[in-house]
Amino acid sequence: FGRVEPRATDRTYLRGLLSSVERKNGWQLAEQAGR
């Protein structure tokens, strides 16, 4: 990743995809990450 921000977001995105969140859309993954 070219910048620090996408690196941090990628970690959040990856954790969300691997989580037990039922629906894997942007809103659900953001809420799961506390955003």
PDB file of all heavy atoms in Angstrom:
ATOM      1  N   PHE A   1       0.845  -1.189   0.000  1.00  0.00           N
ATOM      2  CA  PHE A   1       0.000   0.000   0.000  1.00  0.00           C
ATOM      3  C   PHE A   1       0.881   1.240   0.000  1.00  0.00           C
ATOM      4  O   PHE A   1       1.855   1.314   0.741  1.00  0.00           O
ATOM      5  CB  PHE A   1      -0.922   0.005   1.220  1.00  0.00           C
ATOM      6  CG  PHE A   1      -1.905  -1.132   1.202  1.00  0.00           C
ATOM      7  CD1 PHE A   1      -1.579  -2.348   1.765  1.00  0.00           C
ATOM      8  CD2 PHE A   1      -3.122  -0.991   0.578  1.00  0.00           C
ATOM      9  CE1 PHE A   1      -2.466  -3.406   1.734  1.00  0.00           C
ATOM     10  CE2 PHE A   1      -4.019  -2.041   0.536  1.00  0.00           C
ATOM     11  CZ  PHE A   1      -3.693  -3.246   1.113  1.00  0.00           C
ATOM     12  N   GLY A   2       0.514   2.194  -0.835  1.00  0.00           N
ATOM     13  CA  GLY A   2       1.339   3.381  -1.017  1.00  0.00           C
ATOM     14  C   GLY A   2       1.364   4.336   0.154  1.00  0.00           C
ATOM     15  O   GLY A   2       2.321   5.080   0.333  1.00  0.00           O
ATOM     16  N   ARG A   3       0.320   4.336   0.980  1.00  0.00           N
ATOM     17  CA  ARG A   3       0.224   5.292   2.083  1.00  0.00           C
ATOM     18  C   ARG A   3      -0.140   4.579   3.384  1.00  0.00           C
ATOM     19  O   ARG A   3      -0.594   3.439   3.379  1.00  0.00           O
ATOM     20  CB  ARG A   3      -0.827   6.354   1.767  1.00  0.00           C
ATOM     21  CG  ARG A   3      -0.497   7.197   0.556  1.00  0.00           C
ATOM     22  CD  ARG A   3      -1.622   8.151   0.225  1.00  0.00           C
ATOM     23  NE  ARG A   3      -2.092   8.872   1.382  1.00  0.00           N
ATOM     24  CZ  ARG A   3      -1.832  10.146   1.644  1.00  0.00           C
ATOM     25  NH1 ARG A   3      -1.107  10.855   0.802  1.00  0.00           N
ATOM     26  NH2 ARG A   3      -2.300  10.732   2.719  1.00  0.00           N
ATOM     27  N   VAL A   4       0.027   5.286   4.486  1.00  0.00           N
ATOM     28  CA  VAL A   4      -0.255   4.724   5.807  1.00  0.00           C
ATOM     29  C   VAL A   4      -1.757   4.496   6.006  1.00  0.00           C
ATOM     30  O   VAL A   4      -2.158   3.482   6.582  1.00  0.00           O
ATOM     31  CB  VAL A   4       0.293   5.660   6.913  1.00  0.00           C
ATOM     32  CG1 VAL A   4      -0.115   5.185   8.290  1.00  0.00           C
ATOM     33  CG2 VAL A   4       1.791   5.770   6.805  1.00  0.00           C
ATOM     34  N   GLU A   5      -2.589   5.430   5.540  1.00  0.00           N
ATOM     35  CA  GLU A   5      -4.027   5.329   5.758  1.00  0.00           C
ATOM     36  C   GLU A   5      -4.623   4.046   5.169  1.00  0.00           C
ATOM     37  O   GLU A   5      -5.380   3.346   5.856  1.00  0.00           O
ATOM     38  CB  GLU A   5      -4.764   6.551   5.199  1.00  0.00           C
ATOM     39  CG  GLU A   5      -4.388   7.861   5.864  1.00  0.00           C
ATOM     40  CD  GLU A   5      -3.156   8.530   5.258  1.00  0.00           C
ATOM     41  OE1 GLU A   5      -2.523   7.939   4.364  1.00  0.00           O
ATOM     42  OE2 GLU A   5      -2.831   9.646   5.694  1.00  0.00           O
ATOM     43  N   PRO A   6      -4.318   3.706   3.908  1.00  0.00           N
ATOM     44  CA  PRO A   6      -4.855   2.447   3.385  1.00  0.00           C
ATOM     45  C   PRO A   6      -4.350   1.217   4.140  1.00  0.00           C
ATOM     46  O   PRO A   6      -5.078   0.236   4.270  1.00  0.00           O
ATOM     47  CB  PRO A   6      -4.380   2.409   1.933  1.00  0.00           C
ATOM     48  CG  PRO A   6      -4.111   3.812   1.577  1.00  0.00           C
ATOM     49  CD  PRO A   6      -3.664   4.463   2.859  1.00  0.00           C
ATOM     50  N   ARG A   7      -3.130   1.281   4.660  1.00  0.00           N
ATOM     51  CA  ARG A   7      -2.618   0.150   5.450  1.00  0.00           C
ATOM     52  C   ARG A   7      -3.476  -0.084   6.683  1.00  0.00           C
ATOM     53  O   ARG A   7      -3.844  -1.212   6.996  1.00  0.00           O
ATOM     54  CB  ARG A   7      -1.184   0.399   5.883  1.00  0.00           C
ATOM     55  CG  ARG A   7      -0.197   0.064   4.833  1.00  0.00           C
ATOM     56  CD  ARG A   7       1.232   0.233   5.344  1.00  0.00           C
ATOM     57  NE  ARG A   7       1.974   0.829   4.263  1.00  0.00           N
ATOM     58  CZ  ARG A   7       2.901   1.738   4.392  1.00  0.00           C
ATOM     59  NH1 ARG A   7       3.248   2.168   5.576  1.00  0.00           N
ATOM     60  NH2 ARG A   7       3.502   2.222   3.337  1.00  0.00           N
ATOM     61  N   ALA A   8      -3.793   1.001   7.387  1.00  0.00           N
ATOM     62  CA  ALA A   8      -4.615   0.881   8.592  1.00  0.00           C
ATOM     63  C   ALA A   8      -6.025   0.421   8.244  1.00  0.00           C
ATOM     64  O   ALA A   8      -6.606  -0.420   8.930  1.00  0.00           O
ATOM     65  CB  ALA A   8      -4.663   2.219   9.324  1.00  0.00           C
ATOM     66  N   THR A   9      -6.568   0.947   7.161  1.00  0.00           N
ATOM     67  CA  THR A   9      -7.909   0.552   6.745  1.00  0.00           C
ATOM     68  C   THR A   9      -7.928  -0.886   6.274  1.00  0.00           C
ATOM     69  O   THR A   9      -8.895  -1.626   6.523  1.00  0.00           O
ATOM     70  CB  THR A   9      -8.422   1.485   5.633  1.00  0.00           C
ATOM     71  OG1 THR A   9      -8.395   2.832   6.130  1.00  0.00           O
ATOM     72  CG2 THR A   9      -9.823   1.134   5.218  1.00  0.00           C
ATOM     73  N   ASP A  10      -6.859  -1.329   5.620  1.00  0.00           N
ATOM     74  CA  ASP A  10      -6.800  -2.710   5.169  1.00  0.00           C
ATOM     75  C   ASP A  10      -6.846  -3.668   6.345  1.00  0.00           C
ATOM     76  O   ASP A  10      -7.494  -4.699   6.287  1.00  0.00           O
ATOM     77  CB  ASP A  10      -5.547  -2.950   4.329  1.00  0.00           C
ATOM     78  CG  ASP A  10      -5.477  -4.388   3.861  1.00  0.00           C
ATOM     79  OD1 ASP A  10      -6.427  -4.833   3.197  1.00  0.00           O
ATOM     80  OD2 ASP A  10      -4.495  -5.061   4.192  1.00  0.00           O
ATOM     81  N   ARG A  11      -6.179  -3.334   7.406  1.00  0.00           N
ATOM     82  CA  ARG A  11      -6.210  -4.168   8.612  1.00  0.00           C
ATOM     83  C   ARG A  11      -7.644  -4.268   9.129  1.00  0.00           C
ATOM     84  O   ARG A  11      -8.128  -5.355   9.440  1.00  0.00           O
ATOM     85  CB  ARG A  11      -5.292  -3.581   9.689  1.00  0.00           C
ATOM     86  CG  ARG A  11      -5.251  -4.382  10.965  1.00  0.00           C
ATOM     87  CD  ARG A  11      -4.294  -3.756  11.968  1.00  0.00           C
ATOM     88  NE  ARG A  11      -2.929  -3.776  11.492  1.00  0.00           N
ATOM     89  CZ  ARG A  11      -2.080  -4.787  11.669  1.00  0.00           C
ATOM     90  NH1 ARG A  11      -2.478  -5.860  12.305  1.00  0.00           N
ATOM     91  NH2 ARG A  11      -0.850  -4.724  11.211  1.00  0.00           N
ATOM     92  N   THR A  12      -8.338  -3.136   9.177  1.00  0.00           N
ATOM     93  CA  THR A  12      -9.734  -3.116   9.613  1.00  0.00           C
ATOM     94  C   THR A  12     -10.602  -3.944   8.676  1.00  0.00           C
ATOM     95  O   THR A  12     -11.447  -4.726   9.111  1.00  0.00           O
ATOM     96  CB  THR A  12     -10.253  -1.663   9.641  1.00  0.00           C
ATOM     97  OG1 THR A  12      -9.463  -0.916  10.563  1.00  0.00           O
ATOM     98  CG2 THR A  12     -11.714  -1.597  10.046  1.00  0.00           C
ATOM     99  N   TYR A  13     -10.386  -3.778   7.376  1.00  0.00           N
ATOM    100  CA  TYR A  13     -11.173  -4.500   6.374  1.00  0.00           C
ATOM    101  C   TYR A  13     -10.936  -6.010   6.475  1.00  0.00           C
ATOM    102  O   TYR A  13     -11.878  -6.798   6.480  1.00  0.00           O
ATOM    103  CB  TYR A  13     -10.798  -3.974   4.987  1.00  0.00           C
ATOM    104  CG  TYR A  13     -11.572  -4.594   3.853  1.00  0.00           C
ATOM    105  CD1 TYR A  13     -12.947  -4.433   3.749  1.00  0.00           C
ATOM    106  CD2 TYR A  13     -10.927  -5.335   2.881  1.00  0.00           C
ATOM    107  CE1 TYR A  13     -13.661  -4.987   2.706  1.00  0.00           C
ATOM    108  CE2 TYR A  13     -11.626  -5.893   1.830  1.00  0.00           C
ATOM    109  CZ  TYR A  13     -12.993  -5.720   1.744  1.00  0.00           C
ATOM    110  OH  TYR A  13     -13.692  -6.274   0.712  1.00  0.00           O
ATOM    111  N   LEU A  14      -9.676  -6.405   6.601  1.00  0.00           N
ATOM    112  CA  LEU A  14      -9.339  -7.825   6.708  1.00  0.00           C
ATOM    113  C   LEU A  14      -9.949  -8.442   7.963  1.00  0.00           C
ATOM    114  O   LEU A  14     -10.539  -9.520   7.917  1.00  0.00           O
ATOM    115  CB  LEU A  14      -7.825  -8.012   6.695  1.00  0.00           C
ATOM    116  CG  LEU A  14      -7.319  -9.445   6.798  1.00  0.00           C
ATOM    117  CD1 LEU A  14      -7.801 -10.261   5.596  1.00  0.00           C
ATOM    118  CD2 LEU A  14      -5.799  -9.453   6.867  1.00  0.00           C
ATOM    119  N   ARG A  15      -9.838  -7.750   9.079  1.00  0.00           N
ATOM    120  CA  ARG A  15     -10.434  -8.266  10.322  1.00  0.00           C
ATOM    121  C   ARG A  15     -11.939  -8.385  10.199  1.00  0.00           C
ATOM    122  O   ARG A  15     -12.539  -9.329  10.701  1.00  0.00           O
ATOM    123  CB  ARG A  15     -10.072  -7.365  11.498  1.00  0.00           C
ATOM    124  CG  ARG A  15      -8.667  -7.574  11.956  1.00  0.00           C
ATOM    125  CD  ARG A  15      -8.378  -6.803  13.216  1.00  0.00           C
ATOM    126  NE  ARG A  15      -7.025  -7.083  13.653  1.00  0.00           N
ATOM    127  CZ  ARG A  15      -6.295  -6.249  14.335  1.00  0.00           C
ATOM    128  NH1 ARG A  15      -6.781  -5.073  14.669  1.00  0.00           N
ATOM    129  NH2 ARG A  15      -5.082  -6.568  14.692  1.00  0.00           N
ATOM    130  N   GLY A  16     -12.550  -7.421   9.521  1.00  0.00           N
ATOM    131  CA  GLY A  16     -13.995  -7.481   9.312  1.00  0.00           C
ATOM    132  C   GLY A  16     -14.394  -8.659   8.450  1.00  0.00           C
ATOM    133  O   GLY A  16     -15.376  -9.341   8.735  1.00  0.00           O
ATOM    134  N   LEU A  17     -13.634  -8.909   7.384  1.00  0.00           N
ATOM    135  CA  LEU A  17     -13.948 -10.030   6.505  1.00  0.00           C
ATOM    136  C   LEU A  17     -13.813 -11.366   7.219  1.00  0.00           C
ATOM    137  O   LEU A  17     -14.546 -12.310   6.939  1.00  0.00           O
ATOM    138  CB  LEU A  17     -13.047 -10.020   5.273  1.00  0.00           C
ATOM    139  CG  LEU A  17     -13.297  -8.913   4.260  1.00  0.00           C
ATOM    140  CD1 LEU A  17     -12.285  -8.998   3.132  1.00  0.00           C
ATOM    141  CD2 LEU A  17     -14.710  -8.965   3.712  1.00  0.00           C
ATOM    142  N   LEU A  18     -12.878 -11.446   8.152  1.00  0.00           N
ATOM    143  CA  LEU A  18     -12.656 -12.681   8.890  1.00  0.00           C
ATOM    144  C   LEU A  18     -13.531 -12.794  10.134  1.00  0.00           C
ATOM    145  O   LEU A  18     -13.514 -13.815  10.809  1.00  0.00           O
ATOM    146  CB  LEU A  18     -11.183 -12.807   9.286  1.00  0.00           C
ATOM    147  CG  LEU A  18     -10.206 -12.918   8.114  1.00  0.00           C
ATOM    148  CD1 LEU A  18      -8.772 -12.878   8.618  1.00  0.00           C
ATOM    149  CD2 LEU A  18     -10.469 -14.165   7.298  1.00  0.00           C
ATOM    150  N   SER A  19     -14.298 -11.754  10.431  1.00  0.00           N
ATOM    151  CA  SER A  19     -15.133 -11.751  11.631  1.00  0.00           C
ATOM    152  C   SER A  19     -16.428 -12.527  11.398  1.00  0.00           C
ATOM    153  O   SER A  19     -16.699 -13.019  10.303  1.00  0.00           O
ATOM    154  CB  SER A  19     -15.469 -10.310  12.022  1.00  0.00           C
ATOM    155  OG  SER A  19     -16.441  -9.779  11.141  1.00  0.00           O
ATOM    156  N   SER A  20     -17.229 -12.581  12.425  1.00  0.00           N
ATOM    157  CA  SER A  20     -18.507 -13.284  12.339  1.00  0.00           C
ATOM    158  C   SER A  20     -19.653 -12.363  11.941  1.00  0.00           C
ATOM    159  O   SER A  20     -20.815 -12.746  12.041  1.00  0.00           O
ATOM    160  CB  SER A  20     -18.821 -13.951  13.681  1.00  0.00           C
ATOM    161  OG  SER A  20     -18.936 -12.957  14.686  1.00  0.00           O
ATOM    162  N   VAL A  21     -19.340 -11.160  11.484  1.00  0.00           N
ATOM    163  CA  VAL A  21     -20.383 -10.240  11.031  1.00  0.00           C
ATOM    164  C   VAL A  21     -21.170 -10.923   9.918  1.00  0.00           C
ATOM    165  O   VAL A  21     -20.596 -11.487   8.993  1.00  0.00           O
ATOM    166  CB  VAL A  21     -19.760  -8.915  10.514  1.00  0.00           C
ATOM    167  CG1 VAL A  21     -20.808  -8.030   9.874  1.00  0.00           C
ATOM    168  CG2 VAL A  21     -19.079  -8.191  11.644  1.00  0.00           C
ATOM    169  N   GLU A  22     -22.499 -10.892  10.030  1.00  0.00           N
ATOM    170  CA  GLU A  22     -23.332 -11.643   9.092  1.00  0.00           C
ATOM    171  C   GLU A  22     -23.229 -11.090   7.672  1.00  0.00           C
ATOM    172  O   GLU A  22     -23.041 -11.835   6.720  1.00  0.00           O
ATOM    173  CB  GLU A  22     -24.789 -11.615   9.543  1.00  0.00           C
ATOM    174  CG  GLU A  22     -25.699 -12.459   8.685  1.00  0.00           C
ATOM    175  CD  GLU A  22     -27.110 -12.503   9.216  1.00  0.00           C
ATOM    176  OE1 GLU A  22     -27.294 -12.529  10.439  1.00  0.00           O
ATOM    177  OE2 GLU A  22     -28.025 -12.506   8.385  1.00  0.00           O
ATOM    178  N   ARG A  23     -23.352  -9.802   7.530  1.00  0.00           N
ATOM    179  CA  ARG A  23     -23.278  -9.187   6.199  1.00  0.00           C
ATOM    180  C   ARG A  23     -21.977  -8.428   6.093  1.00  0.00           C
ATOM    181  O   ARG A  23     -21.632  -7.640   6.956  1.00  0.00           O
ATOM    182  CB  ARG A  23     -24.454  -8.250   5.975  1.00  0.00           C
ATOM    183  CG  ARG A  23     -25.754  -8.992   5.941  1.00  0.00           C
ATOM    184  CD  ARG A  23     -26.905  -8.036   5.767  1.00  0.00           C
ATOM    185  NE  ARG A  23     -28.139  -8.785   5.814  1.00  0.00           N
ATOM    186  CZ  ARG A  23     -29.115  -8.618   4.956  1.00  0.00           C
ATOM    187  NH1 ARG A  23     -29.002  -7.735   3.998  1.00  0.00           N
ATOM    188  NH2 ARG A  23     -30.203  -9.331   5.063  1.00  0.00           N
ATOM    189  N   LYS A  24     -21.287  -8.652   5.019  1.00  0.00           N
ATOM    190  CA  LYS A  24     -19.962  -8.052   4.846  1.00  0.00           C
ATOM    191  C   LYS A  24     -20.031  -6.862   3.881  1.00  0.00           C
ATOM    192  O   LYS A  24     -19.436  -6.867   2.832  1.00  0.00           O
ATOM    193  CB  LYS A  24     -18.975  -9.085   4.302  1.00  0.00           C
ATOM    194  CG  LYS A  24     -18.920 -10.386   5.067  1.00  0.00           C
ATOM    195  CD  LYS A  24     -18.174 -10.245   6.350  1.00  0.00           C
ATOM    196  CE  LYS A  24     -17.733 -11.574   6.845  1.00  0.00           C
ATOM    197  NZ  LYS A  24     -18.055 -12.058   8.062  1.00  0.00           N
ATOM    198  N   ASN A  25     -20.791  -5.828   4.255  1.00  0.00           N
ATOM    199  CA  ASN A  25     -20.805  -4.622   3.442  1.00  0.00           C
ATOM    200  C   ASN A  25     -20.062  -3.516   4.186  1.00  0.00           C
ATOM    201  O   ASN A  25     -19.668  -3.684   5.343  1.00  0.00           O
ATOM    202  CB  ASN A  25     -22.239  -4.213   3.078  1.00  0.00           C
ATOM    203  CG  ASN A  25     -23.074  -3.877   4.295  1.00  0.00           C
ATOM    204  OD1 ASN A  25     -22.623  -3.222   5.226  1.00  0.00           O
ATOM    205  ND2 ASN A  25     -24.319  -4.337   4.295  1.00  0.00           N
ATOM    206  N   GLY A  26     -19.849  -2.407   3.528  1.00  0.00           N
ATOM    207  CA  GLY A  26     -19.057  -1.324   4.110  1.00  0.00           C
ATOM    208  C   GLY A  26     -19.581  -0.835   5.447  1.00  0.00           C
ATOM    209  O   GLY A  26     -18.819  -0.615   6.387  1.00  0.00           O
ATOM    210  N   TRP A  27     -20.888  -0.635   5.540  1.00  0.00           N
ATOM    211  CA  TRP A  27     -21.468  -0.154   6.795  1.00  0.00           C
ATOM    212  C   TRP A  27     -21.281  -1.170   7.912  1.00  0.00           C
ATOM    213  O   TRP A  27     -20.891  -0.804   9.030  1.00  0.00           O
ATOM    214  CB  TRP A  27     -22.961   0.141   6.614  1.00  0.00           C
ATOM    215  CG  TRP A  27     -23.216   1.467   5.961  1.00  0.00           C
ATOM    216  CD1 TRP A  27     -23.559   1.677   4.665  1.00  0.00           C
ATOM    217  CD2 TRP A  27     -23.117   2.758   6.571  1.00  0.00           C
ATOM    218  NE1 TRP A  27     -23.686   3.024   4.424  1.00  0.00           N
ATOM    219  CE2 TRP A  27     -23.424   3.714   5.590  1.00  0.00           C
ATOM    220  CE3 TRP A  27     -22.797   3.195   7.843  1.00  0.00           C
ATOM    221  CZ2 TRP A  27     -23.421   5.074   5.834  1.00  0.00           C
ATOM    222  CZ3 TRP A  27     -22.799   4.561   8.087  1.00  0.00           C
ATOM    223  CH2 TRP A  27     -23.112   5.487   7.090  1.00  0.00           C
ATOM    224  N   GLN A  28     -21.555  -2.427   7.649  1.00  0.00           N
ATOM    225  CA  GLN A  28     -21.434  -3.450   8.679  1.00  0.00           C
ATOM    226  C   GLN A  28     -19.988  -3.604   9.153  1.00  0.00           C
ATOM    227  O   GLN A  28     -19.723  -3.730  10.352  1.00  0.00           O
ATOM    228  CB  GLN A  28     -21.939  -4.801   8.157  1.00  0.00           C
ATOM    229  CG  GLN A  28     -23.401  -4.805   7.776  1.00  0.00           C
ATOM    230  CD  GLN A  28     -24.315  -4.760   8.986  1.00  0.00           C
ATOM    231  OE1 GLN A  28     -23.925  -5.151  10.068  1.00  0.00           O
ATOM    232  NE2 GLN A  28     -25.520  -4.286   8.797  1.00  0.00           N
ATOM    233  N   LEU A  29     -19.045  -3.590   8.207  1.00  0.00           N
ATOM    234  CA  LEU A  29     -17.635  -3.735   8.580  1.00  0.00           C
ATOM    235  C   LEU A  29     -17.152  -2.521   9.365  1.00  0.00           C
ATOM    236  O   LEU A  29     -16.364  -2.654  10.301  1.00  0.00           O
ATOM    237  CB  LEU A  29     -16.780  -3.974   7.344  1.00  0.00           C
ATOM    238  CG  LEU A  29     -17.072  -5.269   6.580  1.00  0.00           C
ATOM    239  CD1 LEU A  29     -16.182  -5.372   5.354  1.00  0.00           C
ATOM    240  CD2 LEU A  29     -16.913  -6.478   7.479  1.00  0.00           C
ATOM    241  N   ALA A  30     -17.614  -1.333   8.979  1.00  0.00           N
ATOM    242  CA  ALA A  30     -17.236  -0.120   9.712  1.00  0.00           C
ATOM    243  C   ALA A  30     -17.781  -0.167  11.142  1.00  0.00           C
ATOM    244  O   ALA A  30     -17.059   0.156  12.096  1.00  0.00           O
ATOM    245  CB  ALA A  30     -17.744   1.119   8.975  1.00  0.00           C
ATOM    246  N   GLU A  31     -19.041  -0.547  11.301  1.00  0.00           N
ATOM    247  CA  GLU A  31     -19.625  -0.644  12.639  1.00  0.00           C
ATOM    248  C   GLU A  31     -18.908  -1.679  13.490  1.00  0.00           C
ATOM    249  O   GLU A  31     -18.650  -1.463  14.664  1.00  0.00           O
ATOM    250  CB  GLU A  31     -21.113  -0.982  12.540  1.00  0.00           C
ATOM    251  CG  GLU A  31     -21.953   0.171  12.059  1.00  0.00           C
ATOM    252  CD  GLU A  31     -23.416  -0.196  11.891  1.00  0.00           C
ATOM    253  OE1 GLU A  31     -23.787  -1.348  12.213  1.00  0.00           O
ATOM    254  OE2 GLU A  31     -24.179   0.669  11.438  1.00  0.00           O
ATOM    255  N   GLN A  32     -18.557  -2.808  12.881  1.00  0.00           N
ATOM    256  CA  GLN A  32     -17.848  -3.858  13.609  1.00  0.00           C
ATOM    257  C   GLN A  32     -16.499  -3.352  14.093  1.00  0.00           C
ATOM    258  O   GLN A  32     -16.028  -3.742  15.151  1.00  0.00           O
ATOM    259  CB  GLN A  32     -17.689  -5.080  12.695  1.00  0.00           C
ATOM    260  CG  GLN A  32     -17.132  -6.311  13.359  1.00  0.00           C
ATOM    261  CD  GLN A  32     -15.622  -6.422  13.249  1.00  0.00           C
ATOM    262  OE1 GLN A  32     -14.992  -5.778  12.432  1.00  0.00           O
ATOM    263  NE2 GLN A  32     -15.063  -7.243  14.095  1.00  0.00           N
ATOM    264  N   ALA A  33     -15.878  -2.472  13.336  1.00  0.00           N
ATOM    265  CA  ALA A  33     -14.573  -1.924  13.694  1.00  0.00           C
ATOM    266  C   ALA A  33     -14.680  -0.722  14.627  1.00  0.00           C
ATOM    267  O   ALA A  33     -13.670  -0.153  15.022  1.00  0.00           O
ATOM    268  CB  ALA A  33     -13.823  -1.517  12.427  1.00  0.00           C
ATOM    269  N   GLY A  34     -15.920  -0.315  14.962  1.00  0.00           N
ATOM    270  CA  GLY A  34     -16.111   0.814  15.859  1.00  0.00           C
ATOM    271  C   GLY A  34     -16.049   2.162  15.167  1.00  0.00           C
ATOM    272  O   GLY A  34     -15.866   3.183  15.818  1.00  0.00           O
ATOM    273  N   ARG A  35     -16.230   2.184  13.881  1.00  0.00           N
ATOM    274  CA  ARG A  35     -16.218   3.447  13.126  1.00  0.00           C
ATOM    275  C   ARG A  35     -17.647   3.916  12.878  1.00  0.00           C
ATOM    276  O   ARG A  35     -18.572   3.119  12.819  1.00  0.00           O
ATOM    277  CB  ARG A  35     -15.493   3.270  11.807  1.00  0.00           C
ATOM    278  CG  ARG A  35     -14.040   2.912  12.040  1.00  0.00           C
ATOM    279  CD  ARG A  35     -13.246   3.003  10.800  1.00  0.00           C
ATOM    280  NE  ARG A  35     -11.851   2.703  11.108  1.00  0.00           N
ATOM    281  CZ  ARG A  35     -10.907   2.734  10.222  1.00  0.00           C
ATOM    282  NH1 ARG A  35     -11.181   3.042   8.975  1.00  0.00           N
ATOM    283  NH2 ARG A  35      -9.672   2.463  10.563  1.00  0.00           N
TER     284      ARG A  35
END
